Amino acid sequence: MNAKKAEKISKALADPNRLLILKEIKKQKDCMYCVYLNDIVDLAQPSIAHHLKILTDTELILSEKEGRNVKYSLNNQVLDDYITFLESLKK
């Protein structure tokens, strides 16, 4: 992972609402439908959509359209790469 991508991911993770979304996706066996996020995250739907866009743009989550619903899942590979990048800073 290059420094620019790590910077984008760091900025995405700096928001508590985005961290909450990631935690909720993780709780649901790494997969959650968008409609359930409205019940969990205390934000208006456009705000939730904004946060989801940032998370998908950084590839922290993956989206998959299923009919009228969108299913979100964690991208564990990107998370692992990001953690490896951060660990490389300690060396």
N, C-alpha and C. Protein backbone atom coordinates (compact mmCIF):
# COMPACT_ATOMS: atom_id res chain seq x y z
N MET A 1 0.85 -1.18 0.00
CA MET A 1 0.00 0.00 0.00
C MET A 1 0.89 1.24 0.00
N ASN A 2 0.53 2.20 -0.82
CA ASN A 2 1.32 3.43 -0.86
C ASN A 2 0.81 4.43 0.18
N ALA A 3 1.60 5.44 0.43
CA ALA A 3 1.29 6.41 1.48
C ALA A 3 0.02 7.20 1.17
N LYS A 4 -0.24 7.49 -0.10
CA LYS A 4 -1.43 8.26 -0.48
C LYS A 4 -2.71 7.50 -0.14
N LYS A 5 -2.72 6.20 -0.44
CA LYS A 5 -3.90 5.37 -0.13
C LYS A 5 -4.07 5.26 1.39
N ALA A 6 -2.98 5.09 2.11
CA ALA A 6 -3.03 5.02 3.57
C ALA A 6 -3.57 6.32 4.16
N GLU A 7 -3.19 7.43 3.55
CA GLU A 7 -3.69 8.73 4.01
C GLU A 7 -5.21 8.82 3.83
N LYS A 8 -5.72 8.39 2.68
CA LYS A 8 -7.16 8.42 2.43
C LYS A 8 -7.91 7.54 3.42
N ILE A 9 -7.36 6.36 3.69
CA ILE A 9 -8.00 5.45 4.63
C ILE A 9 -7.98 6.05 6.04
N SER A 10 -6.87 6.66 6.41
CA SER A 10 -6.77 7.29 7.73
C SER A 10 -7.82 8.39 7.89
N LYS A 11 -8.01 9.18 6.86
CA LYS A 11 -9.02 10.24 6.91
C LYS A 11 -10.42 9.65 7.02
N ALA A 12 -10.66 8.56 6.29
CA ALA A 12 -11.98 7.91 6.36
C ALA A 12 -12.24 7.35 7.75
N LEU A 13 -11.22 6.82 8.38
CA LEU A 13 -11.37 6.23 9.71
C LEU A 13 -11.40 7.26 10.83
N ALA A 14 -11.13 8.50 10.52
CA ALA A 14 -11.10 9.56 11.54
C ALA A 14 -12.49 10.01 11.97
N ASP A 15 -13.52 9.55 11.30
CA ASP A 15 -14.89 9.96 11.63
C ASP A 15 -15.57 8.89 12.49
N PRO A 16 -16.13 9.26 13.64
CA PRO A 16 -16.76 8.27 14.51
C PRO A 16 -17.96 7.56 13.88
N ASN A 17 -18.69 8.26 13.01
CA ASN A 17 -19.84 7.63 12.35
C ASN A 17 -19.39 6.53 11.39
N ARG A 18 -18.30 6.76 10.69
CA ARG A 18 -17.79 5.74 9.78
C ARG A 18 -17.24 4.55 10.56
N LEU A 19 -16.61 4.81 11.69
CA LEU A 19 -16.15 3.71 12.54
C LEU A 19 -17.34 2.89 13.05
N LEU A 20 -18.41 3.57 13.41
CA LEU A 20 -19.62 2.88 13.87
C LEU A 20 -20.18 2.00 12.75
N ILE A 21 -20.22 2.52 11.54
CA ILE A 21 -20.72 1.75 10.40
C ILE A 21 -19.86 0.50 10.20
N LEU A 22 -18.55 0.65 10.26
CA LEU A 22 -17.65 -0.51 10.10
C LEU A 22 -17.89 -1.54 11.20
N LYS A 23 -18.05 -1.07 12.44
CA LYS A 23 -18.31 -1.98 13.56
C LYS A 23 -19.61 -2.75 13.36
N GLU A 24 -20.64 -2.05 12.90
CA GLU A 24 -21.94 -2.70 12.70
C GLU A 24 -21.88 -3.73 11.57
N ILE A 25 -21.15 -3.42 10.53
CA ILE A 25 -20.98 -4.40 9.44
C ILE A 25 -20.26 -5.63 9.98
N LYS A 26 -19.24 -5.41 10.79
CA LYS A 26 -18.49 -6.52 11.39
C LYS A 26 -19.39 -7.37 12.28
N LYS A 27 -20.24 -6.72 13.09
CA LYS A 27 -21.15 -7.44 13.98
C LYS A 27 -22.10 -8.37 13.20
N GLN A 28 -22.47 -7.94 12.02
CA GLN A 28 -23.43 -8.69 11.21
C GLN A 28 -22.73 -9.70 10.32
N LYS A 29 -21.70 -10.31 10.83
CA LYS A 29 -20.95 -11.33 10.08
C LYS A 29 -20.33 -10.75 8.80
N ASP A 30 -19.80 -9.53 8.92
CA ASP A 30 -19.09 -8.84 7.84
C ASP A 30 -19.98 -8.47 6.66
N CYS A 31 -21.28 -8.41 6.86
CA CYS A 31 -22.18 -8.10 5.76
C CYS A 31 -23.45 -7.44 6.31
N MET A 32 -23.87 -6.34 5.68
CA MET A 32 -25.07 -5.65 6.16
C MET A 32 -25.76 -4.94 5.00
N TYR A 33 -27.07 -4.96 5.02
CA TYR A 33 -27.86 -4.24 4.02
C TYR A 33 -28.04 -2.80 4.46
N CYS A 34 -28.06 -1.93 3.48
CA CYS A 34 -28.15 -0.49 3.73
C CYS A 34 -29.38 -0.13 4.56
N VAL A 35 -30.50 -0.78 4.32
CA VAL A 35 -31.73 -0.43 5.03
C VAL A 35 -31.59 -0.60 6.54
N TYR A 36 -30.76 -1.53 7.01
CA TYR A 36 -30.58 -1.75 8.44
C TYR A 36 -29.71 -0.68 9.08
N LEU A 37 -28.86 -0.04 8.29
CA LEU A 37 -28.01 1.02 8.84
C LEU A 37 -28.83 2.21 9.31
N ASN A 38 -29.95 2.47 8.64
CA ASN A 38 -30.80 3.58 9.05
C ASN A 38 -31.32 3.39 10.46
N ASP A 39 -31.55 2.14 10.88
CA ASP A 39 -32.04 1.86 12.22
C ASP A 39 -30.94 1.95 13.27
N ILE A 40 -29.70 1.75 12.86
CA ILE A 40 -28.58 1.66 13.81
C ILE A 40 -27.86 2.99 13.99
N VAL A 41 -27.59 3.66 12.88
CA VAL A 41 -26.84 4.91 12.90
C VAL A 41 -27.84 6.07 13.01
N ASP A 42 -27.65 6.90 14.00
CA ASP A 42 -28.57 8.01 14.27
C ASP A 42 -28.24 9.22 13.39
N LEU A 43 -28.41 9.01 12.09
CA LEU A 43 -28.16 10.08 11.10
C LEU A 43 -29.26 10.03 10.05
N ALA A 44 -29.40 11.13 9.34
CA ALA A 44 -30.33 11.16 8.21
C ALA A 44 -29.78 10.27 7.08
N GLN A 45 -30.68 9.77 6.27
CA GLN A 45 -30.28 8.86 5.19
C GLN A 45 -29.24 9.47 4.26
N PRO A 46 -29.34 10.75 3.88
CA PRO A 46 -28.30 11.32 3.02
C PRO A 46 -26.92 11.33 3.68
N SER A 47 -26.87 11.53 5.00
CA SER A 47 -25.59 11.50 5.71
C SER A 47 -25.00 10.10 5.73
N ILE A 48 -25.86 9.11 5.93
CA ILE A 48 -25.40 7.72 5.90
C ILE A 48 -24.85 7.39 4.52
N ALA A 49 -25.55 7.82 3.48
CA ALA A 49 -25.10 7.57 2.10
C ALA A 49 -23.74 8.22 1.86
N HIS A 50 -23.54 9.41 2.40
CA HIS A 50 -22.26 10.11 2.25
C HIS A 50 -21.12 9.30 2.90
N HIS A 51 -21.37 8.82 4.12
CA HIS A 51 -20.35 8.03 4.81
C HIS A 51 -20.07 6.71 4.08
N LEU A 52 -21.11 6.09 3.58
CA LEU A 52 -20.93 4.84 2.83
C LEU A 52 -20.12 5.08 1.56
N LYS A 53 -20.35 6.21 0.91
CA LYS A 53 -19.58 6.53 -0.30
C LYS A 53 -18.10 6.68 0.02
N ILE A 54 -17.79 7.35 1.09
CA ILE A 54 -16.39 7.53 1.49
C ILE A 54 -15.76 6.16 1.79
N LEU A 55 -16.48 5.32 2.50
CA LEU A 55 -15.95 3.99 2.84
C LEU A 55 -15.78 3.12 1.60
N THR A 56 -16.68 3.23 0.64
CA THR A 56 -16.52 2.44 -0.59
C THR A 56 -15.44 3.04 -1.49
N ASP A 57 -15.31 4.36 -1.50
CA ASP A 57 -14.26 4.99 -2.31
C ASP A 57 -12.87 4.60 -1.84
N THR A 58 -12.72 4.41 -0.54
CA THR A 58 -11.42 3.98 0.00
C THR A 58 -11.28 2.46 -0.03
N GLU A 59 -12.31 1.79 -0.48
CA GLU A 59 -12.36 0.33 -0.60
C GLU A 59 -12.32 -0.39 0.75
N LEU A 60 -12.66 0.32 1.84
CA LEU A 60 -12.76 -0.33 3.14
C LEU A 60 -13.97 -1.26 3.19
N ILE A 61 -15.01 -0.88 2.44
CA ILE A 61 -16.16 -1.76 2.31
C ILE A 61 -16.46 -1.96 0.82
N LEU A 62 -17.09 -3.06 0.54
CA LEU A 62 -17.50 -3.38 -0.82
C LEU A 62 -19.03 -3.34 -0.88
N SER A 63 -19.57 -2.86 -1.98
CA SER A 63 -21.03 -2.82 -2.11
C SER A 63 -21.45 -3.77 -3.23
N GLU A 64 -22.59 -4.39 -3.01
CA GLU A 64 -23.14 -5.31 -4.00
C GLU A 64 -24.64 -5.09 -4.07
N LYS A 65 -25.12 -4.76 -5.24
CA LYS A 65 -26.55 -4.51 -5.42
C LYS A 65 -27.28 -5.84 -5.53
N GLU A 66 -28.34 -5.98 -4.74
CA GLU A 66 -29.19 -7.16 -4.77
C GLU A 66 -30.63 -6.69 -4.90
N GLY A 67 -31.12 -6.65 -6.12
CA GLY A 67 -32.47 -6.12 -6.35
C GLY A 67 -32.50 -4.65 -6.03
N ARG A 68 -33.39 -4.27 -5.10
CA ARG A 68 -33.51 -2.87 -4.71
C ARG A 68 -32.61 -2.53 -3.53
N ASN A 69 -31.97 -3.52 -2.95
CA ASN A 69 -31.11 -3.31 -1.79
C ASN A 69 -29.64 -3.34 -2.16
N VAL A 70 -28.84 -2.73 -1.31
CA VAL A 70 -27.39 -2.77 -1.46
C VAL A 70 -26.83 -3.44 -0.22
N LYS A 71 -25.97 -4.43 -0.45
CA LYS A 71 -25.34 -5.15 0.64
C LYS A 71 -23.90 -4.66 0.75
N TYR A 72 -23.47 -4.35 1.98
CA TYR A 72 -22.12 -3.88 2.22
C TYR A 72 -21.36 -4.93 3.01
N SER A 73 -20.11 -5.12 2.65
CA SER A 73 -19.26 -6.06 3.37
C SER A 73 -17.88 -5.44 3.56
N LEU A 74 -17.21 -5.89 4.62
CA LEU A 74 -15.85 -5.40 4.88
C LEU A 74 -14.89 -5.96 3.85
N ASN A 75 -13.95 -5.13 3.45
CA ASN A 75 -12.89 -5.58 2.55
C ASN A 75 -11.68 -5.88 3.42
N ASN A 76 -11.61 -7.12 3.88
CA ASN A 76 -10.55 -7.50 4.82
C ASN A 76 -9.16 -7.36 4.23
N GLN A 77 -9.03 -7.52 2.93
CA GLN A 77 -7.72 -7.39 2.30
C GLN A 77 -7.18 -5.97 2.44
N VAL A 78 -8.03 -4.98 2.21
CA VAL A 78 -7.60 -3.58 2.35
C VAL A 78 -7.28 -3.28 3.81
N LEU A 79 -8.10 -3.78 4.73
CA LEU A 79 -7.82 -3.58 6.15
C LEU A 79 -6.48 -4.20 6.54
N ASP A 80 -6.21 -5.40 6.07
CA ASP A 80 -4.93 -6.06 6.36
C ASP A 80 -3.76 -5.28 5.78
N ASP A 81 -3.91 -4.80 4.54
CA ASP A 81 -2.85 -4.01 3.91
C ASP A 81 -2.59 -2.72 4.69
N TYR A 82 -3.66 -2.09 5.15
CA TYR A 82 -3.53 -0.84 5.91
C TYR A 82 -2.80 -1.10 7.23
N ILE A 83 -3.18 -2.17 7.92
CA ILE A 83 -2.52 -2.51 9.18
C ILE A 83 -1.05 -2.83 8.95
N THR A 84 -0.75 -3.55 7.88
CA THR A 84 0.64 -3.86 7.54
C THR A 84 1.42 -2.57 7.28
N PHE A 85 0.81 -1.63 6.56
CA PHE A 85 1.45 -0.34 6.29
C PHE A 85 1.77 0.38 7.59
N LEU A 86 0.79 0.41 8.52
CA LEU A 86 1.01 1.08 9.81
C LEU A 86 2.10 0.40 10.61
N GLU A 87 2.10 -0.92 10.59
CA GLU A 87 3.14 -1.66 11.31
C GLU A 87 4.53 -1.40 10.74
N SER A 88 4.60 -1.16 9.45
CA SER A 88 5.89 -0.89 8.82
C SER A 88 6.48 0.44 9.30
N LEU A 89 5.64 1.31 9.82
CA LEU A 89 6.14 2.58 10.33
C LEU A 89 6.88 2.42 11.66
N LYS A 90 6.60 1.34 12.37
CA LYS A 90 7.26 1.10 13.66
C LYS A 90 8.68 0.61 13.48
N LYS A 91 8.96 0.01 12.37
CA LYS A 91 10.26 -0.64 12.17
C LYS A 91 11.34 0.36 11.85
